Amino acid sequence: MELRAIIDLDLHGLGVEEAQTKIENAIKSAGSGVYRIRCIHGFHGGTRIKDMIRREFGFGLEPKVKSIRPGENEGITELILRE
């Protein structure tokens, strides 16, 4: 079994609802070794997915998500599951 500390989710080309479902499934299936989910949503097509991530998973709405941080560029948002 492969343990990964960071899960990369490519959300390009997905609608907001599809992206939300994919993120929810990743959170549910994340084992104890996973401390970060990197959501790669891009930024040229607008901010709908980025906004959804902050709205649906921020502010303590998802107990497993401790914080949300910007990624290496504005097309990435990272969900921090543990420090």
PDB file of N, CA and C in Angstrom:
ATOM      1  N   MET A   1       0.845  -1.186   0.000  1.00  0.00           N
ATOM      2  CA  MET A   1       0.000   0.000   0.000  1.00  0.00           C
ATOM      3  C   MET A   1       0.888   1.246   0.000  1.00  0.00           C
ATOM      4  N   GLU A   2       0.596   2.156  -0.902  1.00  0.00           N
ATOM      5  CA  GLU A   2       1.382   3.382  -1.022  1.00  0.00           C
ATOM      6  C   GLU A   2       0.808   4.459  -0.116  1.00  0.00           C
ATOM      7  N   LEU A   3       1.652   5.082   0.677  1.00  0.00           N
ATOM      8  CA  LEU A   3       1.229   6.180   1.532  1.00  0.00           C
ATOM      9  C   LEU A   3       1.691   7.485   0.908  1.00  0.00           C
ATOM     10  N   ARG A   4       0.774   8.413   0.768  1.00  0.00           N
ATOM     11  CA  ARG A   4       1.119   9.711   0.207  1.00  0.00           C
ATOM     12  C   ARG A   4       0.731  10.788   1.199  1.00  0.00           C
ATOM     13  N   ALA A   5       1.627  11.683   1.455  1.00  0.00           N
ATOM     14  CA  ALA A   5       1.356  12.753   2.411  1.00  0.00           C
ATOM     15  C   ALA A   5       0.517  13.864   1.793  1.00  0.00           C
ATOM     16  N   ILE A   6       0.614  14.017   0.477  1.00  0.00           N
ATOM     17  CA  ILE A   6      -0.135  15.053  -0.232  1.00  0.00           C
ATOM     18  C   ILE A   6      -0.909  14.393  -1.366  1.00  0.00           C
ATOM     19  N   ILE A   7      -2.191  14.703  -1.451  1.00  0.00           N
ATOM     20  CA  ILE A   7      -3.011  14.231  -2.562  1.00  0.00           C
ATOM     21  C   ILE A   7      -3.169  15.392  -3.530  1.00  0.00           C
ATOM     22  N   ASP A   8      -2.843  15.167  -4.798  1.00  0.00           N
ATOM     23  CA  ASP A   8      -3.050  16.170  -5.842  1.00  0.00           C
ATOM     24  C   ASP A   8      -4.346  15.857  -6.570  1.00  0.00           C
ATOM     25  N   LEU A   9      -5.251  16.819  -6.624  1.00  0.00           N
ATOM     26  CA  LEU A   9      -6.516  16.672  -7.338  1.00  0.00           C
ATOM     27  C   LEU A   9      -6.536  17.635  -8.513  1.00  0.00           C
ATOM     28  N   ASP A  10      -6.574  17.098  -9.722  1.00  0.00           N
ATOM     29  CA  ASP A  10      -6.678  17.941 -10.914  1.00  0.00           C
ATOM     30  C   ASP A  10      -8.157  18.171 -11.197  1.00  0.00           C
ATOM     31  N   LEU A  11      -8.604  19.391 -11.047  1.00  0.00           N
ATOM     32  CA  LEU A  11     -10.007  19.743 -11.205  1.00  0.00           C
ATOM     33  C   LEU A  11     -10.287  20.467 -12.516  1.00  0.00           C
ATOM     34  N   HIS A  12      -9.297  20.551 -13.383  1.00  0.00           N
ATOM     35  CA  HIS A  12      -9.475  21.218 -14.677  1.00  0.00           C
ATOM     36  C   HIS A  12     -10.606  20.554 -15.457  1.00  0.00           C
ATOM     37  N   GLY A  13     -11.447  21.371 -16.051  1.00  0.00           N
ATOM     38  CA  GLY A  13     -12.501  20.870 -16.913  1.00  0.00           C
ATOM     39  C   GLY A  13     -13.737  20.374 -16.182  1.00  0.00           C
ATOM     40  N   LEU A  14     -13.720  20.389 -14.862  1.00  0.00           N
ATOM     41  CA  LEU A  14     -14.879  19.937 -14.098  1.00  0.00           C
ATOM     42  C   LEU A  14     -15.800  21.104 -13.787  1.00  0.00           C
ATOM     43  N   GLY A  15     -17.078  20.811 -13.654  1.00  0.00           N
ATOM     44  CA  GLY A  15     -18.024  21.794 -13.167  1.00  0.00           C
ATOM     45  C   GLY A  15     -17.868  21.920 -11.659  1.00  0.00           C
ATOM     46  N   VAL A  16     -18.508  22.901 -11.068  1.00  0.00           N
ATOM     47  CA  VAL A  16     -18.379  23.155  -9.637  1.00  0.00           C
ATOM     48  C   VAL A  16     -18.862  21.954  -8.824  1.00  0.00           C
ATOM     49  N   GLU A  17     -20.011  21.387  -9.179  1.00  0.00           N
ATOM     50  CA  GLU A  17     -20.548  20.251  -8.429  1.00  0.00           C
ATOM     51  C   GLU A  17     -19.654  19.022  -8.548  1.00  0.00           C
ATOM     52  N   GLU A  18     -19.135  18.769  -9.750  1.00  0.00           N
ATOM     53  CA  GLU A  18     -18.220  17.636  -9.948  1.00  0.00           C
ATOM     54  C   GLU A  18     -16.957  17.817  -9.127  1.00  0.00           C
ATOM     55  N   ALA A  19     -16.423  19.031  -9.117  1.00  0.00           N
ATOM     56  CA  ALA A  19     -15.209  19.318  -8.350  1.00  0.00           C
ATOM     57  C   ALA A  19     -15.463  19.131  -6.858  1.00  0.00           C
ATOM     58  N   GLN A  20     -16.616  19.587  -6.385  1.00  0.00           N
ATOM     59  CA  GLN A  20     -16.949  19.443  -4.972  1.00  0.00           C
ATOM     60  C   GLN A  20     -17.029  17.964  -4.593  1.00  0.00           C
ATOM     61  N   THR A  21     -17.657  17.162  -5.418  1.00  0.00           N
ATOM     62  CA  THR A  21     -17.772  15.725  -5.155  1.00  0.00           C
ATOM     63  C   THR A  21     -16.396  15.071  -5.125  1.00  0.00           C
ATOM     64  N   LYS A  22     -15.545  15.447  -6.061  1.00  0.00           N
ATOM     65  CA  LYS A  22     -14.192  14.877  -6.110  1.00  0.00           C
ATOM     66  C   LYS A  22     -13.397  15.244  -4.853  1.00  0.00           C
ATOM     67  N   ILE A  23     -13.531  16.479  -4.382  1.00  0.00           N
ATOM     68  CA  ILE A  23     -12.838  16.917  -3.168  1.00  0.00           C
ATOM     69  C   ILE A  23     -13.401  16.182  -1.949  1.00  0.00           C
ATOM     70  N   GLU A  24     -14.714  16.092  -1.858  1.00  0.00           N
ATOM     71  CA  GLU A  24     -15.334  15.384  -0.727  1.00  0.00           C
ATOM     72  C   GLU A  24     -14.863  13.933  -0.661  1.00  0.00           C
ATOM     73  N   ASN A  25     -14.795  13.263  -1.812  1.00  0.00           N
ATOM     74  CA  ASN A  25     -14.333  11.872  -1.849  1.00  0.00           C
ATOM     75  C   ASN A  25     -12.873  11.757  -1.418  1.00  0.00           C
ATOM     76  N   ALA A  26     -12.047  12.722  -1.825  1.00  0.00           N
ATOM     77  CA  ALA A  26     -10.640  12.708  -1.426  1.00  0.00           C
ATOM     78  C   ALA A  26     -10.499  12.900   0.083  1.00  0.00           C
ATOM     79  N   ILE A  27     -11.294  13.777   0.650  1.00  0.00           N
ATOM     80  CA  ILE A  27     -11.245  14.013   2.096  1.00  0.00           C
ATOM     81  C   ILE A  27     -11.658  12.747   2.838  1.00  0.00           C
ATOM     82  N   LYS A  28     -12.746  12.126   2.396  1.00  0.00           N
ATOM     83  CA  LYS A  28     -13.240  10.908   3.048  1.00  0.00           C
ATOM     84  C   LYS A  28     -12.229   9.768   2.984  1.00  0.00           C
ATOM     85  N   SER A  29     -11.540   9.641   1.847  1.00  0.00           N
ATOM     86  CA  SER A  29     -10.627   8.512   1.662  1.00  0.00           C
ATOM     87  C   SER A  29      -9.206   8.793   2.146  1.00  0.00           C
ATOM     88  N   ALA A  30      -8.933  10.020   2.572  1.00  0.00           N
ATOM     89  CA  ALA A  30      -7.584  10.378   3.024  1.00  0.00           C
ATOM     90  C   ALA A  30      -7.235   9.615   4.300  1.00  0.00           C
ATOM     91  N   GLY A  31      -6.159   8.865   4.241  1.00  0.00           N
ATOM     92  CA  GLY A  31      -5.705   8.136   5.417  1.00  0.00           C
ATOM     93  C   GLY A  31      -4.975   9.041   6.390  1.00  0.00           C
ATOM     94  N   SER A  32      -4.525   8.462   7.468  1.00  0.00           N
ATOM     95  CA  SER A  32      -3.872   9.253   8.517  1.00  0.00           C
ATOM     96  C   SER A  32      -2.533   9.837   8.072  1.00  0.00           C
ATOM     97  N   GLY A  33      -1.943   9.293   7.020  1.00  0.00           N
ATOM     98  CA  GLY A  33      -0.670   9.826   6.526  1.00  0.00           C
ATOM     99  C   GLY A  33      -0.819  11.050   5.656  1.00  0.00           C
ATOM    100  N   VAL A  34      -2.028  11.369   5.247  1.00  0.00           N
ATOM    101  CA  VAL A  34      -2.274  12.522   4.374  1.00  0.00           C
ATOM    102  C   VAL A  34      -2.461  13.766   5.230  1.00  0.00           C
ATOM    103  N   TYR A  35      -1.678  14.788   4.934  1.00  0.00           N
ATOM    104  CA  TYR A  35      -1.820  16.031   5.689  1.00  0.00           C
ATOM    105  C   TYR A  35      -2.251  17.207   4.818  1.00  0.00           C
ATOM    106  N   ARG A  36      -2.303  16.999   3.491  1.00  0.00           N
ATOM    107  CA  ARG A  36      -2.659  18.114   2.608  1.00  0.00           C
ATOM    108  C   ARG A  36      -3.318  17.570   1.339  1.00  0.00           C
ATOM    109  N   ILE A  37      -4.354  18.262   0.888  1.00  0.00           N
ATOM    110  CA  ILE A  37      -4.964  17.969  -0.404  1.00  0.00           C
ATOM    111  C   ILE A  37      -4.769  19.209  -1.264  1.00  0.00           C
ATOM    112  N   ARG A  38      -4.052  19.039  -2.347  1.00  0.00           N
ATOM    113  CA  ARG A  38      -3.735  20.149  -3.256  1.00  0.00           C
ATOM    114  C   ARG A  38      -4.762  20.132  -4.390  1.00  0.00           C
ATOM    115  N   CYS A  39      -5.622  21.135  -4.422  1.00  0.00           N
ATOM    116  CA  CYS A  39      -6.671  21.254  -5.439  1.00  0.00           C
ATOM    117  C   CYS A  39      -6.151  22.139  -6.565  1.00  0.00           C
ATOM    118  N   ILE A  40      -5.974  21.535  -7.724  1.00  0.00           N
ATOM    119  CA  ILE A  40      -5.439  22.262  -8.880  1.00  0.00           C
ATOM    120  C   ILE A  40      -6.621  22.616  -9.773  1.00  0.00           C
ATOM    121  N   HIS A  41      -7.066  23.858  -9.688  1.00  0.00           N
ATOM    122  CA  HIS A  41      -8.278  24.285 -10.373  1.00  0.00           C
ATOM    123  C   HIS A  41      -8.009  25.248 -11.511  1.00  0.00           C
ATOM    124  N   GLY A  42      -6.816  25.787 -11.611  1.00  0.00           N
ATOM    125  CA  GLY A  42      -6.513  26.765 -12.641  1.00  0.00           C
ATOM    126  C   GLY A  42      -7.098  28.118 -12.300  1.00  0.00           C
ATOM    127  N   PHE A  43      -6.775  29.110 -13.117  1.00  0.00           N
ATOM    128  CA  PHE A  43      -7.309  30.448 -12.852  1.00  0.00           C
ATOM    129  C   PHE A  43      -7.724  31.174 -14.119  1.00  0.00           C
ATOM    130  N   HIS A  44      -7.451  30.628 -15.273  1.00  0.00           N
ATOM    131  CA  HIS A  44      -7.832  31.313 -16.511  1.00  0.00           C
ATOM    132  C   HIS A  44      -9.330  31.230 -16.787  1.00  0.00           C
ATOM    133  N   GLY A  45      -9.986  30.203 -16.239  1.00  0.00           N
ATOM    134  CA  GLY A  45     -11.413  30.019 -16.498  1.00  0.00           C
ATOM    135  C   GLY A  45     -12.313  30.663 -15.463  1.00  0.00           C
ATOM    136  N   GLY A  46     -11.780  31.451 -14.584  1.00  0.00           N
ATOM    137  CA  GLY A  46     -12.582  32.095 -13.555  1.00  0.00           C
ATOM    138  C   GLY A  46     -12.284  31.516 -12.184  1.00  0.00           C
ATOM    139  N   THR A  47     -13.077  31.927 -11.201  1.00  0.00           N
ATOM    140  CA  THR A  47     -12.795  31.533  -9.819  1.00  0.00           C
ATOM    141  C   THR A  47     -13.930  30.725  -9.191  1.00  0.00           C
ATOM    142  N   ARG A  48     -14.816  30.158  -9.990  1.00  0.00           N
ATOM    143  CA  ARG A  48     -15.966  29.436  -9.424  1.00  0.00           C
ATOM    144  C   ARG A  48     -15.551  28.292  -8.510  1.00  0.00           C
ATOM    145  N   ILE A  49     -14.599  27.468  -8.952  1.00  0.00           N
ATOM    146  CA  ILE A  49     -14.174  26.325  -8.129  1.00  0.00           C
ATOM    147  C   ILE A  49     -13.405  26.807  -6.907  1.00  0.00           C
ATOM    148  N   LYS A  50     -12.540  27.762  -7.087  1.00  0.00           N
ATOM    149  CA  LYS A  50     -11.789  28.320  -5.956  1.00  0.00           C
ATOM    150  C   LYS A  50     -12.746  28.895  -4.912  1.00  0.00           C
ATOM    151  N   ASP A  51     -13.746  29.627  -5.361  1.00  0.00           N
ATOM    152  CA  ASP A  51     -14.729  30.205  -4.442  1.00  0.00           C
ATOM    153  C   ASP A  51     -15.520  29.117  -3.727  1.00  0.00           C
ATOM    154  N   MET A  52     -15.886  28.051  -4.454  1.00  0.00           N
ATOM    155  CA  MET A  52     -16.627  26.945  -3.863  1.00  0.00           C
ATOM    156  C   MET A  52     -15.801  26.275  -2.776  1.00  0.00           C
ATOM    157  N   ILE A  53     -14.512  26.088  -3.016  1.00  0.00           N
ATOM    158  CA  ILE A  53     -13.648  25.442  -2.022  1.00  0.00           C
ATOM    159  C   ILE A  53     -13.665  26.238  -0.728  1.00  0.00           C
ATOM    160  N   ARG A  54     -13.508  27.526  -0.818  1.00  0.00           N
ATOM    161  CA  ARG A  54     -13.504  28.376   0.383  1.00  0.00           C
ATOM    162  C   ARG A  54     -14.878  28.389   1.062  1.00  0.00           C
ATOM    163  N   ARG A  55     -15.924  28.397   0.267  1.00  0.00           N
ATOM    164  CA  ARG A  55     -17.282  28.452   0.809  1.00  0.00           C
ATOM    165  C   ARG A  55     -17.692  27.129   1.465  1.00  0.00           C
ATOM    166  N   GLU A  56     -17.363  26.001   0.861  1.00  0.00           N
ATOM    167  CA  GLU A  56     -17.843  24.701   1.325  1.00  0.00           C
ATOM    168  C   GLU A  56     -16.925  24.017   2.338  1.00  0.00           C
ATOM    169  N   PHE A  57     -15.631  24.346   2.306  1.00  0.00           N
ATOM    170  CA  PHE A  57     -14.686  23.624   3.153  1.00  0.00           C
ATOM    171  C   PHE A  57     -13.975  24.506   4.173  1.00  0.00           C
ATOM    172  N   GLY A  58     -14.209  25.798   4.140  1.00  0.00           N
ATOM    173  CA  GLY A  58     -13.566  26.713   5.069  1.00  0.00           C
ATOM    174  C   GLY A  58     -14.397  26.967   6.309  1.00  0.00           C
ATOM    175  N   PHE A  59     -13.844  27.707   7.211  1.00  0.00           N
ATOM    176  CA  PHE A  59     -14.543  28.180   8.413  1.00  0.00           C
ATOM    177  C   PHE A  59     -15.107  27.042   9.264  1.00  0.00           C
ATOM    178  N   GLY A  60     -14.415  25.898   9.305  1.00  0.00           N
ATOM    179  CA  GLY A  60     -14.831  24.789  10.153  1.00  0.00           C
ATOM    180  C   GLY A  60     -16.007  23.991   9.634  1.00  0.00           C
ATOM    181  N   LEU A  61     -16.396  24.192   8.379  1.00  0.00           N
ATOM    182  CA  LEU A  61     -17.541  23.468   7.829  1.00  0.00           C
ATOM    183  C   LEU A  61     -17.240  21.991   7.605  1.00  0.00           C
ATOM    184  N   GLU A  62     -16.006  21.662   7.291  1.00  0.00           N
ATOM    185  CA  GLU A  62     -15.573  20.277   7.135  1.00  0.00           C
ATOM    186  C   GLU A  62     -14.592  19.997   8.263  1.00  0.00           C
ATOM    187  N   PRO A  63     -14.967  19.142   9.226  1.00  0.00           N
ATOM    188  CA  PRO A  63     -14.125  18.915  10.406  1.00  0.00           C
ATOM    189  C   PRO A  63     -12.695  18.448  10.105  1.00  0.00           C
ATOM    190  N   LYS A  64     -12.493  17.720   9.021  1.00  0.00           N
ATOM    191  CA  LYS A  64     -11.145  17.230   8.708  1.00  0.00           C
ATOM    192  C   LYS A  64     -10.232  18.332   8.173  1.00  0.00           C
ATOM    193  N   VAL A  65     -10.815  19.413   7.651  1.00  0.00           N
ATOM    194  CA  VAL A  65     -10.025  20.501   7.071  1.00  0.00           C
ATOM    195  C   VAL A  65      -9.728  21.522   8.158  1.00  0.00           C
ATOM    196  N   LYS A  66      -8.451  21.631   8.514  1.00  0.00           N
ATOM    197  CA  LYS A  66      -8.038  22.557   9.578  1.00  0.00           C
ATOM    198  C   LYS A  66      -7.879  23.983   9.067  1.00  0.00           C
ATOM    199  N   SER A  67      -7.422  24.113   7.808  1.00  0.00           N
ATOM    200  CA  SER A  67      -7.283  25.439   7.214  1.00  0.00           C
ATOM    201  C   SER A  67      -7.197  25.310   5.703  1.00  0.00           C
ATOM    202  N   ILE A  68      -7.356  26.437   5.041  1.00  0.00           N
ATOM    203  CA  ILE A  68      -7.237  26.518   3.588  1.00  0.00           C
ATOM    204  C   ILE A  68      -6.164  27.546   3.288  1.00  0.00           C
ATOM    205  N   ARG A  69      -5.249  27.176   2.399  1.00  0.00           N
ATOM    206  CA  ARG A  69      -4.147  28.085   2.049  1.00  0.00           C
ATOM    207  C   ARG A  69      -4.002  28.184   0.537  1.00  0.00           C
ATOM    208  N   PRO A  70      -3.516  29.315   0.063  1.00  0.00           N
ATOM    209  CA  PRO A  70      -3.207  29.400  -1.370  1.00  0.00           C
ATOM    210  C   PRO A  70      -2.025  28.500  -1.680  1.00  0.00           C
ATOM    211  N   GLY A  71      -1.996  28.012  -2.910  1.00  0.00           N
ATOM    212  CA  GLY A  71      -0.898  27.153  -3.334  1.00  0.00           C
ATOM    213  C   GLY A  71       0.250  27.948  -3.903  1.00  0.00           C
ATOM    214  N   GLU A  72       1.065  27.268  -4.691  1.00  0.00           N
ATOM    215  CA  GLU A  72       2.253  27.882  -5.290  1.00  0.00           C
ATOM    216  C   GLU A  72       1.893  28.990  -6.267  1.00  0.00           C
ATOM    217  N   ASN A  73       0.700  28.911  -6.856  1.00  0.00           N
ATOM    218  CA  ASN A  73       0.217  29.976  -7.737  1.00  0.00           C
ATOM    219  C   ASN A  73      -1.287  30.113  -7.535  1.00  0.00           C
ATOM    220  N   GLU A  74      -1.896  31.085  -8.185  1.00  0.00           N
ATOM    221  CA  GLU A  74      -3.304  31.358  -7.924  1.00  0.00           C
ATOM    222  C   GLU A  74      -4.249  30.305  -8.492  1.00  0.00           C
ATOM    223  N   GLY A  75      -3.735  29.326  -9.194  1.00  0.00           N
ATOM    224  CA  GLY A  75      -4.545  28.228  -9.721  1.00  0.00           C
ATOM    225  C   GLY A  75      -4.578  27.018  -8.813  1.00  0.00           C
ATOM    226  N   ILE A  76      -4.036  27.148  -7.611  1.00  0.00           N
ATOM    227  CA  ILE A  76      -3.979  26.031  -6.656  1.00  0.00           C
ATOM    228  C   ILE A  76      -4.488  26.520  -5.293  1.00  0.00           C
ATOM    229  N   THR A  77      -5.319  25.688  -4.672  1.00  0.00           N
ATOM    230  CA  THR A  77      -5.766  25.919  -3.305  1.00  0.00           C
ATOM    231  C   THR A  77      -5.487  24.650  -2.526  1.00  0.00           C
ATOM    232  N   GLU A  78      -4.920  24.782  -1.340  1.00  0.00           N
ATOM    233  CA  GLU A  78      -4.552  23.617  -0.544  1.00  0.00           C
ATOM    234  C   GLU A  78      -5.435  23.512   0.703  1.00  0.00           C
ATOM    235  N   LEU A  79      -5.956  22.307   0.908  1.00  0.00           N
ATOM    236  CA  LEU A  79      -6.720  22.004   2.114  1.00  0.00           C
ATOM    237  C   LEU A  79      -5.765  21.333   3.087  1.00  0.00           C
ATOM    238  N   ILE A  80      -5.582  21.927   4.250  1.00  0.00           N
ATOM    239  CA  ILE A  80      -4.659  21.407   5.251  1.00  0.00           C
ATOM    240  C   ILE A  80      -5.459  20.535   6.226  1.00  0.00           C
ATOM    241  N   LEU A  81      -5.114  19.249   6.281  1.00  0.00           N
ATOM    242  CA  LEU A  81      -5.816  18.316   7.158  1.00  0.00           C
ATOM    243  C   LEU A  81      -5.158  18.212   8.512  1.00  0.00           C
ATOM    244  N   ARG A  82      -3.852  18.422   8.550  1.00  0.00           N
ATOM    245  CA  ARG A  82      -3.121  18.481   9.822  1.00  0.00           C
ATOM    246  C   ARG A  82      -1.814  19.195   9.579  1.00  0.00           C
ATOM    247  N   GLU A  83      -1.307  19.790  10.623  1.00  0.00           N
ATOM    248  CA  GLU A  83      -0.049  20.551  10.526  1.00  0.00           C
ATOM    249  C   GLU A  83       1.135  19.618  10.624  1.00  0.00           C
TER     250      GLU A  83
END
